[in-house]
Protein backbone atom coordinates (compact mmCIF):
# COMPACT_ATOMS: atom_id res chain seq x y z
CA MET A 1 -1.35 12.62 8.05
CA LYS A 2 -4.01 11.69 10.52
CA PRO A 3 -3.93 8.12 11.88
CA ALA A 4 -7.49 7.50 10.65
CA SER A 5 -6.58 8.48 7.08
CA HIS A 6 -6.17 5.82 4.43
CA LEU A 7 -2.96 4.90 2.73
CA PHE A 8 -3.85 3.66 -0.75
CA ARG A 9 -1.92 0.77 -2.24
CA GLN A 10 -2.15 -0.14 -5.94
CA ILE A 11 -2.54 -3.91 -6.26
CA PRO A 12 -1.01 -5.77 -9.23
CA ALA A 13 -3.20 -8.56 -10.62
CA LYS A 14 -0.42 -11.08 -9.96
CA TYR A 15 -0.99 -10.55 -6.22
CA ILE A 16 -4.63 -11.60 -6.36
CA GLY A 17 -5.26 -15.28 -5.66
CA ASP A 18 -7.62 -17.50 -7.63
CA ASP A 19 -10.12 -16.95 -4.81
CA GLY A 20 -10.02 -13.17 -5.41
CA VAL A 21 -8.20 -12.49 -2.15
CA VAL A 22 -5.17 -10.22 -2.29
CA THR A 23 -1.97 -11.87 -1.06
CA SER A 24 0.39 -10.40 1.50
CA GLN A 25 3.00 -9.92 -1.25
CA ALA A 26 1.06 -6.79 -2.25
CA PHE A 27 2.00 -5.27 1.11
CA LYS A 28 5.71 -6.09 1.09
CA PRO A 29 8.39 -3.82 -0.32
CA MET A 30 10.43 -5.30 -3.15
CA PRO A 31 13.88 -6.00 -1.65
CA LYS A 32 15.89 -4.79 -4.66
CA ASN A 33 13.80 -1.75 -5.58
CA ASP A 34 12.07 -0.30 -2.55
CA GLN A 35 14.78 -0.15 0.13
CA GLY A 36 12.25 -1.27 2.74
CA LEU A 37 9.72 1.46 1.95
CA LEU A 38 6.26 0.43 0.76
CA SER A 39 4.89 3.07 -1.61
CA VAL A 40 1.35 4.29 -0.91
CA TYR A 41 -0.84 7.32 -1.60
CA ASN A 42 -1.96 9.77 1.09
CA SER A 43 -5.78 9.88 1.10
CA GLU A 44 -5.71 13.38 2.55
CA LEU A 45 -4.40 14.59 -0.81
CA ILE A 46 -5.91 12.19 -3.37
CA ASP A 47 -8.84 9.78 -3.55
CA ALA A 48 -8.66 6.09 -4.39
CA ASP A 49 -9.72 6.30 -8.03
CA ALA A 50 -7.43 9.26 -8.78
CA SER A 51 -4.52 7.40 -7.16
CA PHE A 52 -5.22 4.47 -9.47
CA VAL A 53 -5.25 6.74 -12.52
CA HIS A 54 -2.04 8.44 -11.38
CA PHE A 55 -0.31 5.09 -10.89
CA THR A 56 -1.49 3.44 -14.11
CA VAL A 57 -1.70 6.35 -16.55
CA ILE A 58 0.79 8.95 -15.33
CA LYS A 59 3.43 6.61 -13.89
CA GLY A 60 2.76 3.73 -16.31
CA GLY A 61 2.31 1.10 -13.62
CA THR A 62 -0.03 -1.86 -13.78
CA ALA A 63 -2.68 -2.51 -11.15
CA ALA A 64 -6.00 -4.28 -10.83
CA GLY A 65 -7.31 -1.76 -8.32
CA THR A 66 -6.71 0.14 -5.11
CA MET A 67 -6.87 -1.14 -1.56
CA GLY A 68 -5.97 0.69 1.60
CA VAL A 69 -5.02 0.57 5.22
CA THR A 70 -5.20 3.31 7.81
CA GLY A 71 -2.32 4.84 9.66
CA GLU A 72 -3.73 3.27 12.83
CA GLU A 73 -3.55 -0.16 11.20
CA VAL A 74 0.05 0.46 10.16
CA ILE A 75 0.94 1.38 13.73
CA GLY A 76 -0.93 -1.73 14.93
CA ALA A 77 1.34 -3.81 12.68
CA GLU A 78 4.31 -2.25 14.52
CA LEU A 79 5.32 -0.12 11.54
CA THR A 80 5.53 3.60 10.87
CA TYR A 81 4.40 5.69 7.93
CA ARG A 82 5.16 9.16 6.66
CA GLU A 83 4.63 11.56 3.80
CA ASP A 84 7.26 11.32 1.06
CA PRO A 85 6.42 14.07 -1.44
CA GLU A 86 9.78 13.98 -3.21
CA SER A 87 8.43 11.65 -5.93
CA PHE A 88 5.02 13.41 -6.19
CA PRO A 89 2.94 15.42 -3.69
CA GLU A 90 0.51 12.63 -2.72
CA HIS A 91 3.22 10.01 -2.13
CA ALA A 92 3.71 8.41 1.27
CA VAL A 93 5.55 5.34 2.51
CA ILE A 94 5.09 2.59 5.05
CA ASP A 95 8.51 2.08 6.60
CA MET A 96 9.85 -1.46 6.92
CA THR A 97 13.52 -0.49 6.73
CA HIS A 98 14.15 -1.88 10.21
CA LEU A 99 13.07 -5.37 9.09
CA THR A 100 14.82 -8.03 7.07
CA PRO A 101 12.91 -9.14 3.95
CA GLY A 102 11.76 -12.29 5.77
CA ALA A 103 10.63 -10.31 8.81
CA CYS A 104 8.35 -8.23 6.55
CA ASP A 105 6.05 -11.24 6.19
CA LYS A 106 4.20 -10.81 9.48
CA PRO A 107 3.31 -7.11 9.18
CA ALA A 108 2.47 -7.63 5.49
CA ARG A 109 -0.03 -10.33 6.50
CA VAL A 110 -1.57 -7.97 9.06
CA LEU A 111 -1.94 -5.18 6.48
CA ARG A 112 -3.29 -7.60 3.87
CA ALA A 113 -5.93 -8.87 6.30
CA LYS A 114 -7.06 -5.32 7.12
CA ALA A 115 -7.19 -4.36 3.43
CA ASN A 116 -9.03 -7.52 2.38
CA LYS A 117 -11.59 -7.05 5.15
CA ARG A 118 -12.21 -3.48 3.97
CA GLY A 119 -12.37 -4.54 0.34
CA TRP A 120 -11.52 -2.68 -2.83
CA LEU A 121 -11.56 1.08 -2.52
CA TYR A 122 -11.35 1.37 -6.30
CA HIS A 123 -11.70 -1.55 -8.69
CA PRO A 124 -12.38 -0.73 -12.35
């Protein structure tokens, strides 16, 4: 994946504040389920609206829309990312395995700020 490519994140409605701004929780892996890996979609293989459909229809997830960060922004938050096609071909992860759950707060805030500044990439 190229550093300028987007990594699409499906945003649950519960992570959108009353002001319409997405919270940093949307960019933190769930400690019990994700093993420090934040699930995203590789924009080189799928576009934002198709990733939303895949997540909500095919996988049965719930999301209000799709936001994204670039690989460069992930690196700027002192994280790494990689393809992870084992689950499905377009799957990728942002790796926070080296951080404790509490230490994920800072990079999650950085990613949230970048995504909020960019805005929704798909919002039905």
